[in-house]
Amino acid sequence: MGEPTDAELWQRAASGDSGAFGTLFERHGRLVYNFCFRRTADWAQAEELASVVFLEAWRRRNEVRLAGSSAAPWLLGVATNVLRNARRAQRRHRAALERLPREHEPDFSSDVDERLDDERQMTAILRVVGKLPRTDQEILALCAWEGLSYEEAALALGTPVGTVRSRLSRARGRLRELGGDGGHEMSEPDLSIQETQAT
């Protein structure tokens, strides 16, 4: 007997089976974490946002029915909304936060250099990607970074498939135009920080 599908696990979770939900987390936790990092360039914030995504998934487990066999498109749709809300909150509180003193504790763990390098690289990428319209950024993140199909991205965003196709094409064309900024060629492989150090 094969492993249960996400849809089967979701049904079990909706009936109160926390173990089934735990399996869904094991399957998709890294995907959501990577997605949040690629949109924020901040490992700590990505971890917090990924936690919010799965808390929201648990909260809504009784009201949501997965459209396909995989929970990934729906979870990334939730992550997209969580990121939007986080950005709104950041804009509201940015001025106050900037007045607070920054305390920086040195971190001597073995992977700190790699994490900081990833954050610097992702920040540079997001500077370029940030010049795109928000909807184009979201579609690029889902299709080019997370490998979702047009149909899955449409499901995640509640957008027609044709809109996903046209916006992704437009985003890629615009990135090619922007690629020369500062002498750096922004090619699509540049847009994927591969796998994170899972925490």
N, C-alpha and C. Protein backbone atom coordinates (compact mmCIF):
# COMPACT_ATOMS: atom_id res chain seq x y z
N MET A 1 0.84 -1.19 0.00
CA MET A 1 0.00 0.00 0.00
C MET A 1 0.88 1.25 0.00
N GLY A 2 0.60 2.18 -0.93
CA GLY A 2 1.43 3.36 -1.06
C GLY A 2 1.16 4.38 0.03
N GLU A 3 1.98 5.41 0.03
CA GLU A 3 1.81 6.48 1.00
C GLU A 3 0.53 7.25 0.72
N PRO A 4 -0.14 7.76 1.74
CA PRO A 4 -1.36 8.52 1.51
C PRO A 4 -1.08 9.82 0.77
N THR A 5 -2.01 10.25 -0.04
CA THR A 5 -1.87 11.53 -0.73
C THR A 5 -2.07 12.67 0.25
N ASP A 6 -1.70 13.86 -0.18
CA ASP A 6 -1.95 15.04 0.66
C ASP A 6 -3.43 15.19 0.95
N ALA A 7 -4.25 14.93 -0.07
CA ALA A 7 -5.70 15.08 0.11
C ALA A 7 -6.21 14.13 1.19
N GLU A 8 -5.70 12.91 1.20
CA GLU A 8 -6.11 11.94 2.23
C GLU A 8 -5.63 12.39 3.61
N LEU A 9 -4.40 12.86 3.67
CA LEU A 9 -3.88 13.35 4.95
C LEU A 9 -4.68 14.55 5.44
N TRP A 10 -5.05 15.42 4.49
CA TRP A 10 -5.83 16.61 4.87
C TRP A 10 -7.17 16.20 5.47
N GLN A 11 -7.81 15.21 4.86
CA GLN A 11 -9.09 14.73 5.40
C GLN A 11 -8.93 14.19 6.81
N ARG A 12 -7.86 13.45 7.01
CA ARG A 12 -7.60 12.92 8.35
C ARG A 12 -7.34 14.06 9.35
N ALA A 13 -6.56 15.06 8.91
CA ALA A 13 -6.28 16.20 9.78
C ALA A 13 -7.57 16.93 10.13
N ALA A 14 -8.46 17.05 9.14
CA ALA A 14 -9.74 17.73 9.39
C ALA A 14 -10.57 16.97 10.41
N SER A 15 -10.32 15.67 10.53
CA SER A 15 -11.03 14.86 11.54
C SER A 15 -10.31 14.86 12.88
N GLY A 16 -9.25 15.64 12.98
CA GLY A 16 -8.55 15.78 14.25
C GLY A 16 -7.27 14.99 14.38
N ASP A 17 -6.81 14.37 13.28
CA ASP A 17 -5.58 13.56 13.33
C ASP A 17 -4.37 14.48 13.19
N SER A 18 -3.77 14.84 14.33
CA SER A 18 -2.63 15.76 14.30
C SER A 18 -1.40 15.10 13.66
N GLY A 19 -1.32 13.77 13.74
CA GLY A 19 -0.21 13.07 13.11
C GLY A 19 -0.24 13.22 11.59
N ALA A 20 -1.44 13.19 11.01
CA ALA A 20 -1.58 13.39 9.57
C ALA A 20 -1.13 14.79 9.19
N PHE A 21 -1.51 15.75 10.01
CA PHE A 21 -1.09 17.13 9.73
C PHE A 21 0.43 17.25 9.86
N GLY A 22 1.00 16.55 10.83
CA GLY A 22 2.45 16.54 11.00
C GLY A 22 3.16 15.99 9.76
N THR A 23 2.57 14.98 9.14
CA THR A 23 3.14 14.44 7.91
C THR A 23 3.09 15.47 6.79
N LEU A 24 1.98 16.21 6.70
CA LEU A 24 1.89 17.28 5.71
C LEU A 24 2.98 18.33 5.95
N PHE A 25 3.20 18.64 7.21
CA PHE A 25 4.26 19.61 7.54
C PHE A 25 5.62 19.08 7.10
N GLU A 26 5.89 17.80 7.38
CA GLU A 26 7.18 17.21 6.98
C GLU A 26 7.36 17.25 5.47
N ARG A 27 6.27 17.04 4.73
CA ARG A 27 6.35 17.04 3.27
C ARG A 27 6.58 18.44 2.69
N HIS A 28 5.95 19.43 3.30
CA HIS A 28 5.92 20.75 2.66
C HIS A 28 6.54 21.88 3.48
N GLY A 29 7.02 21.58 4.69
CA GLY A 29 7.58 22.63 5.53
C GLY A 29 8.77 23.33 4.90
N ARG A 30 9.68 22.56 4.31
CA ARG A 30 10.87 23.15 3.69
C ARG A 30 10.48 23.98 2.47
N LEU A 31 9.51 23.50 1.69
CA LEU A 31 9.03 24.24 0.52
C LEU A 31 8.52 25.62 0.93
N VAL A 32 7.68 25.65 1.96
CA VAL A 32 7.10 26.92 2.42
C VAL A 32 8.19 27.82 3.00
N TYR A 33 9.10 27.22 3.77
CA TYR A 33 10.21 27.97 4.37
C TYR A 33 11.08 28.61 3.29
N ASN A 34 11.45 27.82 2.28
CA ASN A 34 12.25 28.35 1.17
C ASN A 34 11.51 29.47 0.45
N PHE A 35 10.22 29.26 0.21
CA PHE A 35 9.42 30.27 -0.49
C PHE A 35 9.43 31.58 0.29
N CYS A 36 9.23 31.51 1.59
CA CYS A 36 9.21 32.72 2.42
C CYS A 36 10.58 33.39 2.43
N PHE A 37 11.65 32.60 2.47
CA PHE A 37 12.98 33.19 2.43
C PHE A 37 13.22 33.91 1.11
N ARG A 38 12.82 33.28 0.03
CA ARG A 38 13.06 33.87 -1.28
C ARG A 38 12.26 35.16 -1.49
N ARG A 39 11.25 35.38 -0.67
CA ARG A 39 10.46 36.61 -0.76
C ARG A 39 10.90 37.66 0.25
N THR A 40 11.70 37.24 1.27
CA THR A 40 12.09 38.19 2.31
C THR A 40 13.60 38.39 2.43
N ALA A 41 14.39 37.42 1.97
CA ALA A 41 15.85 37.43 2.13
C ALA A 41 16.25 37.46 3.60
N ASP A 42 15.46 36.86 4.46
CA ASP A 42 15.72 36.87 5.89
C ASP A 42 15.31 35.52 6.46
N TRP A 43 16.33 34.74 6.91
CA TRP A 43 16.04 33.38 7.40
C TRP A 43 15.10 33.40 8.61
N ALA A 44 15.35 34.28 9.57
CA ALA A 44 14.54 34.30 10.78
C ALA A 44 13.09 34.66 10.46
N GLN A 45 12.91 35.68 9.63
CA GLN A 45 11.55 36.07 9.26
C GLN A 45 10.87 34.96 8.47
N ALA A 46 11.62 34.29 7.60
CA ALA A 46 11.04 33.20 6.82
C ALA A 46 10.53 32.09 7.73
N GLU A 47 11.29 31.81 8.78
CA GLU A 47 10.86 30.77 9.73
C GLU A 47 9.58 31.17 10.44
N GLU A 48 9.50 32.43 10.85
CA GLU A 48 8.29 32.92 11.51
C GLU A 48 7.09 32.86 10.58
N LEU A 49 7.29 33.30 9.34
CA LEU A 49 6.19 33.33 8.38
C LEU A 49 5.74 31.92 8.01
N ALA A 50 6.68 31.00 7.87
CA ALA A 50 6.31 29.61 7.58
C ALA A 50 5.48 29.03 8.73
N SER A 51 5.82 29.39 9.96
CA SER A 51 5.03 28.94 11.10
C SER A 51 3.61 29.47 11.03
N VAL A 52 3.48 30.73 10.64
CA VAL A 52 2.15 31.34 10.51
C VAL A 52 1.34 30.60 9.45
N VAL A 53 1.99 30.24 8.34
CA VAL A 53 1.30 29.52 7.26
C VAL A 53 0.71 28.21 7.79
N PHE A 54 1.50 27.45 8.54
CA PHE A 54 1.00 26.16 9.00
C PHE A 54 0.00 26.31 10.15
N LEU A 55 0.14 27.35 10.94
CA LEU A 55 -0.89 27.62 11.95
C LEU A 55 -2.22 27.95 11.28
N GLU A 56 -2.15 28.74 10.20
CA GLU A 56 -3.36 29.08 9.45
C GLU A 56 -3.95 27.84 8.78
N ALA A 57 -3.07 26.97 8.26
CA ALA A 57 -3.55 25.74 7.64
C ALA A 57 -4.26 24.86 8.67
N TRP A 58 -3.69 24.74 9.87
CA TRP A 58 -4.34 23.95 10.92
C TRP A 58 -5.67 24.57 11.32
N ARG A 59 -5.69 25.89 11.44
CA ARG A 59 -6.92 26.58 11.83
C ARG A 59 -8.04 26.38 10.81
N ARG A 60 -7.67 26.33 9.54
CA ARG A 60 -8.67 26.25 8.48
C ARG A 60 -8.88 24.84 7.92
N ARG A 61 -8.31 23.85 8.59
CA ARG A 61 -8.32 22.50 8.03
C ARG A 61 -9.73 21.96 7.80
N ASN A 62 -10.71 22.40 8.59
CA ASN A 62 -12.08 21.90 8.45
C ASN A 62 -12.86 22.58 7.33
N GLU A 63 -12.44 23.77 6.93
CA GLU A 63 -13.21 24.51 5.93
C GLU A 63 -12.62 24.42 4.54
N VAL A 64 -11.39 23.92 4.40
CA VAL A 64 -10.72 23.89 3.10
C VAL A 64 -10.75 22.48 2.53
N ARG A 65 -11.09 22.38 1.24
CA ARG A 65 -10.97 21.13 0.51
C ARG A 65 -9.95 21.33 -0.59
N LEU A 66 -8.92 20.51 -0.62
CA LEU A 66 -7.88 20.66 -1.63
C LEU A 66 -8.45 20.39 -3.01
N ALA A 67 -8.05 21.22 -3.97
CA ALA A 67 -8.55 21.07 -5.34
C ALA A 67 -7.88 19.91 -6.06
N GLY A 68 -6.65 19.56 -5.68
CA GLY A 68 -5.93 18.46 -6.31
C GLY A 68 -5.41 17.51 -5.26
N SER A 69 -4.46 16.68 -5.66
CA SER A 69 -3.91 15.71 -4.72
C SER A 69 -2.81 16.29 -3.84
N SER A 70 -2.24 17.44 -4.25
CA SER A 70 -1.13 18.05 -3.49
C SER A 70 -1.61 19.27 -2.73
N ALA A 71 -1.09 19.42 -1.51
CA ALA A 71 -1.40 20.60 -0.70
C ALA A 71 -0.50 21.78 -1.03
N ALA A 72 0.56 21.55 -1.82
CA ALA A 72 1.56 22.60 -2.06
C ALA A 72 0.97 23.88 -2.65
N PRO A 73 0.15 23.82 -3.72
CA PRO A 73 -0.38 25.08 -4.26
C PRO A 73 -1.18 25.87 -3.23
N TRP A 74 -2.03 25.17 -2.46
CA TRP A 74 -2.83 25.89 -1.46
C TRP A 74 -1.95 26.49 -0.38
N LEU A 75 -0.96 25.74 0.10
CA LEU A 75 -0.07 26.25 1.14
C LEU A 75 0.72 27.46 0.64
N LEU A 76 1.18 27.42 -0.61
CA LEU A 76 1.92 28.57 -1.15
C LEU A 76 0.99 29.76 -1.39
N GLY A 77 -0.27 29.49 -1.67
CA GLY A 77 -1.25 30.59 -1.74
C GLY A 77 -1.42 31.26 -0.38
N VAL A 78 -1.51 30.44 0.67
CA VAL A 78 -1.59 30.99 2.03
C VAL A 78 -0.32 31.78 2.34
N ALA A 79 0.84 31.22 1.96
CA ALA A 79 2.11 31.90 2.22
C ALA A 79 2.15 33.26 1.51
N THR A 80 1.62 33.32 0.30
CA THR A 80 1.58 34.59 -0.43
C THR A 80 0.78 35.62 0.33
N ASN A 81 -0.37 35.21 0.86
CA ASN A 81 -1.20 36.14 1.65
C ASN A 81 -0.53 36.54 2.96
N VAL A 82 0.14 35.58 3.60
CA VAL A 82 0.86 35.88 4.84
C VAL A 82 1.96 36.91 4.57
N LEU A 83 2.66 36.74 3.46
CA LEU A 83 3.72 37.70 3.09
C LEU A 83 3.13 39.08 2.82
N ARG A 84 1.99 39.15 2.15
CA ARG A 84 1.35 40.44 1.89
C ARG A 84 1.02 41.13 3.21
N ASN A 85 0.43 40.36 4.13
CA ASN A 85 0.06 40.94 5.43
C ASN A 85 1.29 41.40 6.20
N ALA A 86 2.36 40.61 6.13
CA ALA A 86 3.60 40.98 6.84
C ALA A 86 4.16 42.28 6.28
N ARG A 87 4.10 42.45 4.96
CA ARG A 87 4.61 43.68 4.36
C ARG A 87 3.78 44.88 4.80
N ARG A 88 2.47 44.71 4.85
CA ARG A 88 1.61 45.81 5.32
C ARG A 88 1.99 46.20 6.75
N ALA A 89 2.18 45.18 7.60
CA ALA A 89 2.54 45.45 8.99
C ALA A 89 3.90 46.14 9.07
N GLN A 90 4.85 45.70 8.23
CA GLN A 90 6.18 46.33 8.24
C GLN A 90 6.09 47.79 7.83
N ARG A 91 5.27 48.08 6.83
CA ARG A 91 5.14 49.48 6.40
C ARG A 91 4.55 50.34 7.51
N ARG A 92 3.57 49.78 8.23
CA ARG A 92 2.93 50.55 9.32
C ARG A 92 3.90 50.83 10.46
N HIS A 93 4.81 49.88 10.71
CA HIS A 93 5.66 50.01 11.90
C HIS A 93 7.11 50.38 11.59
N ARG A 94 7.44 50.58 10.33
CA ARG A 94 8.84 50.80 9.96
C ARG A 94 9.45 52.01 10.66
N ALA A 95 8.72 53.11 10.68
CA ALA A 95 9.28 54.33 11.28
C ALA A 95 9.60 54.12 12.75
N ALA A 96 8.68 53.46 13.47
CA ALA A 96 8.92 53.22 14.89
C ALA A 96 10.10 52.27 15.11
N LEU A 97 10.18 51.24 14.31
CA LEU A 97 11.25 50.26 14.47
C LEU A 97 12.62 50.87 14.17
N GLU A 98 12.66 51.78 13.20
CA GLU A 98 13.95 52.38 12.85
C GLU A 98 14.49 53.27 13.97
N ARG A 99 13.61 53.72 14.85
CA ARG A 99 14.07 54.55 15.98
C ARG A 99 14.61 53.71 17.12
N LEU A 100 14.32 52.41 17.09
CA LEU A 100 14.79 51.54 18.17
C LEU A 100 16.28 51.22 17.98
N PRO A 101 17.04 51.14 19.07
CA PRO A 101 18.45 50.76 18.92
C PRO A 101 18.55 49.32 18.44
N ARG A 102 19.49 49.08 17.55
CA ARG A 102 19.70 47.72 17.04
C ARG A 102 20.76 47.02 17.89
N GLU A 103 20.35 45.91 18.46
CA GLU A 103 21.29 45.12 19.24
C GLU A 103 21.63 43.89 18.42
N HIS A 104 22.91 43.68 18.23
CA HIS A 104 23.35 42.56 17.40
C HIS A 104 24.23 41.63 18.21
N GLU A 105 23.69 40.48 18.52
CA GLU A 105 24.48 39.48 19.23
C GLU A 105 25.30 38.69 18.22
N PRO A 106 26.61 38.56 18.45
CA PRO A 106 27.41 37.77 17.51
C PRO A 106 26.97 36.32 17.51
N ASP A 107 26.94 35.74 16.35
CA ASP A 107 26.55 34.35 16.19
C ASP A 107 27.76 33.59 15.66
N PHE A 108 28.25 32.66 16.45
CA PHE A 108 29.45 31.95 16.06
C PHE A 108 29.15 30.54 15.56
N SER A 109 27.91 30.27 15.21
CA SER A 109 27.59 28.95 14.70
C SER A 109 28.26 28.73 13.36
N SER A 110 28.46 27.47 13.03
CA SER A 110 29.26 27.13 11.85
C SER A 110 28.63 27.58 10.54
N ASP A 111 27.30 27.76 10.52
CA ASP A 111 26.68 28.09 9.24
C ASP A 111 26.35 29.58 9.11
N VAL A 112 26.80 30.42 10.05
CA VAL A 112 26.40 31.83 10.00
C VAL A 112 26.89 32.52 8.74
N ASP A 113 28.11 32.23 8.30
CA ASP A 113 28.63 32.88 7.09
C ASP A 113 27.80 32.52 5.87
N GLU A 114 27.45 31.24 5.77
CA GLU A 114 26.64 30.81 4.63
C GLU A 114 25.26 31.46 4.66
N ARG A 115 24.68 31.53 5.85
CA ARG A 115 23.36 32.16 5.96
C ARG A 115 23.42 33.64 5.59
N LEU A 116 24.44 34.33 6.04
CA LEU A 116 24.57 35.75 5.71
C LEU A 116 24.82 35.94 4.22
N ASP A 117 25.63 35.05 3.62
CA ASP A 117 25.85 35.13 2.18
C ASP A 117 24.55 34.94 1.41
N ASP A 118 23.76 33.95 1.83
CA ASP A 118 22.46 33.71 1.19
C ASP A 118 21.57 34.94 1.31
N GLU A 119 21.55 35.54 2.51
CA GLU A 119 20.71 36.71 2.72
C GLU A 119 21.17 37.88 1.86
N ARG A 120 22.49 38.09 1.76
CA ARG A 120 23.00 39.17 0.90
C ARG A 120 22.64 38.92 -0.56
N GLN A 121 22.83 37.68 -1.00
CA GLN A 121 22.53 37.36 -2.39
C GLN A 121 21.04 37.52 -2.68
N MET A 122 20.21 37.05 -1.76
CA MET A 122 18.76 37.16 -1.98
C MET A 122 18.31 38.61 -1.92
N THR A 123 18.92 39.41 -1.07
CA THR A 123 18.59 40.84 -1.01
C THR A 123 18.90 41.51 -2.34
N ALA A 124 20.05 41.16 -2.93
CA ALA A 124 20.41 41.74 -4.23
C ALA A 124 19.41 41.31 -5.30
N ILE A 125 19.01 40.05 -5.28
CA ILE A 125 18.03 39.56 -6.24
C ILE A 125 16.71 40.29 -6.06
N LEU A 126 16.27 40.43 -4.81
CA LEU A 126 14.98 41.07 -4.55
C LEU A 126 14.98 42.55 -4.92
N ARG A 127 16.17 43.18 -4.90
CA ARG A 127 16.24 44.57 -5.35
C ARG A 127 15.82 44.68 -6.81
N VAL A 128 16.23 43.71 -7.61
CA VAL A 128 15.86 43.72 -9.02
C VAL A 128 14.41 43.25 -9.20
N VAL A 129 14.08 42.13 -8.56
CA VAL A 129 12.73 41.59 -8.69
C VAL A 129 11.70 42.59 -8.15
N GLY A 130 12.10 43.36 -7.13
CA GLY A 130 11.20 44.33 -6.53
C GLY A 130 10.76 45.44 -7.47
N LYS A 131 11.41 45.56 -8.62
CA LYS A 131 11.01 46.57 -9.60
C LYS A 131 9.82 46.11 -10.43
N LEU A 132 9.46 44.82 -10.29
CA LEU A 132 8.29 44.30 -10.99
C LEU A 132 7.03 44.61 -10.20
N PRO A 133 5.87 44.64 -10.87
CA PRO A 133 4.61 44.75 -10.12
C PRO A 133 4.47 43.59 -9.14
N ARG A 134 3.79 43.83 -8.01
CA ARG A 134 3.67 42.82 -6.96
C ARG A 134 3.10 41.50 -7.50
N THR A 135 2.06 41.57 -8.34
CA THR A 135 1.47 40.33 -8.84
C THR A 135 2.46 39.56 -9.70
N ASP A 136 3.29 40.26 -10.47
CA ASP A 136 4.30 39.58 -11.28
C ASP A 136 5.36 38.94 -10.38
N GLN A 137 5.72 39.61 -9.29
CA GLN A 137 6.69 39.04 -8.35
C GLN A 137 6.15 37.72 -7.77
N GLU A 138 4.87 37.72 -7.41
CA GLU A 138 4.28 36.53 -6.80
C GLU A 138 4.25 35.37 -7.78
N ILE A 139 3.87 35.64 -9.03
CA ILE A 139 3.81 34.58 -10.03
C ILE A 139 5.21 34.07 -10.34
N LEU A 140 6.18 34.97 -10.43
CA LEU A 140 7.57 34.56 -10.66
C LEU A 140 8.05 33.66 -9.52
N ALA A 141 7.75 34.05 -8.29
CA ALA A 141 8.18 33.26 -7.14
C ALA A 141 7.57 31.86 -7.17
N LEU A 142 6.30 31.77 -7.50
CA LEU A 142 5.63 30.46 -7.50
C LEU A 142 6.09 29.58 -8.66
N CYS A 143 6.20 30.14 -9.85
CA CYS A 143 6.52 29.32 -11.04
C CYS A 143 8.03 29.11 -11.22
N ALA A 144 8.80 30.21 -11.19
CA ALA A 144 10.24 30.09 -11.48
C ALA A 144 11.02 29.57 -10.28
N TRP A 145 10.64 29.97 -9.05
CA TRP A 145 11.40 29.57 -7.88
C TRP A 145 10.91 28.28 -7.27
N GLU A 146 9.59 28.11 -7.20
CA GLU A 146 9.04 26.93 -6.54
C GLU A 146 8.64 25.84 -7.52
N GLY A 147 8.68 26.13 -8.83
CA GLY A 147 8.42 25.11 -9.83
C GLY A 147 6.97 24.71 -9.99
N LEU A 148 6.04 25.55 -9.54
CA LEU A 148 4.63 25.24 -9.74
C LEU A 148 4.27 25.38 -11.22
N SER A 149 3.34 24.57 -11.67
CA SER A 149 2.83 24.70 -13.02
C SER A 149 1.95 25.95 -13.10
N TYR A 150 1.60 26.34 -14.33
CA TYR A 150 0.70 27.48 -14.49
C TYR A 150 -0.60 27.22 -13.74
N GLU A 151 -1.11 25.99 -13.85
CA GLU A 151 -2.39 25.65 -13.22
C GLU A 151 -2.29 25.71 -11.70
N GLU A 152 -1.18 25.21 -11.15
CA GLU A 152 -1.00 25.24 -9.69
C GLU A 152 -0.85 26.67 -9.19
N ALA A 153 -0.10 27.50 -9.92
CA ALA A 153 0.06 28.90 -9.52
C ALA A 153 -1.27 29.62 -9.59
N ALA A 154 -2.06 29.32 -10.62
CA ALA A 154 -3.39 29.92 -10.74
C ALA A 154 -4.25 29.55 -9.55
N LEU A 155 -4.16 28.28 -9.14
CA LEU A 155 -4.91 27.82 -7.97
C LEU A 155 -4.44 28.53 -6.71
N ALA A 156 -3.12 28.66 -6.55
CA ALA A 156 -2.57 29.30 -5.35
C ALA A 156 -3.01 30.75 -5.23
N LEU A 157 -3.11 31.45 -6.36
CA LEU A 157 -3.40 32.88 -6.35
C LEU A 157 -4.85 33.22 -6.65
N GLY A 158 -5.65 32.20 -7.02
CA GLY A 158 -7.03 32.47 -7.40
C GLY A 158 -7.11 33.31 -8.67
N THR A 159 -6.22 33.02 -9.61
CA THR A 159 -6.08 33.80 -10.84
C THR A 159 -6.27 32.88 -12.04
N PRO A 160 -6.85 33.35 -13.15
CA PRO A 160 -6.97 32.50 -14.35
C PRO A 160 -5.59 32.05 -14.86
N VAL A 161 -5.56 30.85 -15.44
CA VAL A 161 -4.30 30.30 -15.94
C VAL A 161 -3.69 31.22 -16.99
N GLY A 162 -4.51 31.77 -17.88
CA GLY A 162 -4.00 32.66 -18.92
C GLY A 162 -3.31 33.88 -18.34
N THR A 163 -3.83 34.39 -17.24
CA THR A 163 -3.21 35.54 -16.57
C THR A 163 -1.84 35.17 -16.02
N VAL A 164 -1.75 33.97 -15.45
CA VAL A 164 -0.46 33.51 -14.93
C VAL A 164 0.56 33.43 -16.07
N ARG A 165 0.17 32.84 -17.19
CA ARG A 165 1.08 32.70 -18.34
C ARG A 165 1.58 34.07 -18.81
N SER A 166 0.63 34.99 -19.01
CA SER A 166 1.02 36.29 -19.57
C SER A 166 1.87 37.09 -18.59
N ARG A 167 1.52 37.04 -17.29
CA ARG A 167 2.29 37.80 -16.31
C ARG A 167 3.69 37.22 -16.11
N LEU A 168 3.80 35.88 -16.17
CA LEU A 168 5.12 35.26 -16.02
C LEU A 168 5.99 35.63 -17.21
N SER A 169 5.42 35.60 -18.39
CA SER A 169 6.17 35.98 -19.59
C SER A 169 6.62 37.44 -19.50
N ARG A 170 5.71 38.31 -19.05
CA ARG A 170 6.03 39.73 -18.90
C ARG A 170 7.13 39.91 -17.85
N ALA A 171 7.04 39.17 -16.73
CA ALA A 171 8.03 39.30 -15.65
C ALA A 171 9.41 38.87 -16.14
N ARG A 172 9.47 37.77 -16.88
CA ARG A 172 10.76 37.29 -17.38
C ARG A 172 11.36 38.28 -18.36
N GLY A 173 10.52 38.85 -19.23
CA GLY A 173 11.01 39.85 -20.18
C GLY A 173 11.54 41.08 -19.48
N ARG A 174 10.81 41.53 -18.45
CA ARG A 174 11.24 42.71 -17.71
C ARG A 174 12.55 42.44 -16.96
N LEU A 175 12.70 41.24 -16.42
CA LEU A 175 13.95 40.90 -15.73
C LEU A 175 15.13 40.91 -16.68
N ARG A 176 14.91 40.43 -17.91
CA ARG A 176 15.99 40.48 -18.90
C ARG A 176 16.40 41.92 -19.17
N GLU A 177 15.40 42.82 -19.23
CA GLU A 177 15.70 44.24 -19.44
C GLU A 177 16.47 44.83 -18.26
N LEU A 178 16.07 44.44 -17.05
CA LEU A 178 16.68 44.98 -15.84
C LEU A 178 18.04 44.36 -15.56
N GLY A 179 18.33 43.22 -16.20
CA GLY A 179 19.52 42.45 -15.88
C GLY A 179 20.82 43.21 -16.04
N GLY A 180 20.83 44.21 -16.92
CA GLY A 180 22.07 44.94 -17.13
C GLY A 180 22.37 45.97 -16.08
N ASP A 181 21.42 46.23 -15.16
CA ASP A 181 21.64 47.25 -14.13
C ASP A 181 22.88 46.92 -13.33
N GLY A 182 23.80 47.86 -13.28
CA GLY A 182 25.00 47.67 -12.47
C GLY A 182 25.94 46.63 -13.04
N GLY A 183 25.73 46.29 -14.32
CA GLY A 183 26.63 45.33 -14.94
C GLY A 183 26.37 43.89 -14.55
N HIS A 184 25.27 43.64 -13.84
CA HIS A 184 24.98 42.26 -13.41
C HIS A 184 23.90 41.69 -14.29
N GLU A 185 24.17 40.58 -14.90
CA GLU A 185 23.17 39.95 -15.75
C GLU A 185 22.25 39.09 -14.90
N MET A 186 20.97 39.44 -14.89
CA MET A 186 20.01 38.73 -14.05
C MET A 186 19.38 37.62 -14.88
N SER A 187 19.96 36.45 -14.83
CA SER A 187 19.40 35.32 -15.55
C SER A 187 18.56 34.49 -14.58
N GLU A 188 17.69 33.64 -15.13
CA GLU A 188 16.78 32.92 -14.25
C GLU A 188 17.48 32.03 -13.23
N PRO A 189 18.58 31.35 -13.56
CA PRO A 189 19.25 30.57 -12.51
C PRO A 189 19.69 31.42 -11.32
N ASP A 190 19.99 32.73 -11.58
CA ASP A 190 20.37 33.60 -10.47
C ASP A 190 19.25 33.73 -9.46
N LEU A 191 18.02 33.45 -9.90
CA LEU A 191 16.87 33.69 -9.05
C LEU A 191 16.55 32.52 -8.14
N SER A 192 17.40 31.53 -8.06
CA SER A 192 17.07 30.42 -7.18
C SER A 192 18.20 30.14 -6.21
N ILE A 193 18.00 30.58 -4.96
CA ILE A 193 18.85 30.10 -3.88
C ILE A 193 18.34 28.69 -3.64
N GLN A 194 19.17 27.71 -3.72
CA GLN A 194 18.67 26.33 -3.78
C GLN A 194 17.97 25.90 -2.49
N GLU A 195 18.53 25.01 -1.75
CA GLU A 195 17.87 24.51 -0.55
C GLU A 195 18.41 25.21 0.68
N THR A 196 17.53 25.44 1.63
CA THR A 196 17.95 26.10 2.86
C THR A 196 18.58 25.09 3.80
N GLN A 197 19.18 25.65 4.84
CA GLN A 197 19.58 24.83 5.97
C GLN A 197 18.34 24.72 6.82
N ALA A 198 17.68 23.61 6.82
CA ALA A 198 16.43 23.48 7.55
C ALA A 198 16.72 23.64 9.02
N THR A 199 15.81 24.35 9.67
CA THR A 199 15.97 24.51 11.12
C THR A 199 15.05 23.58 11.85
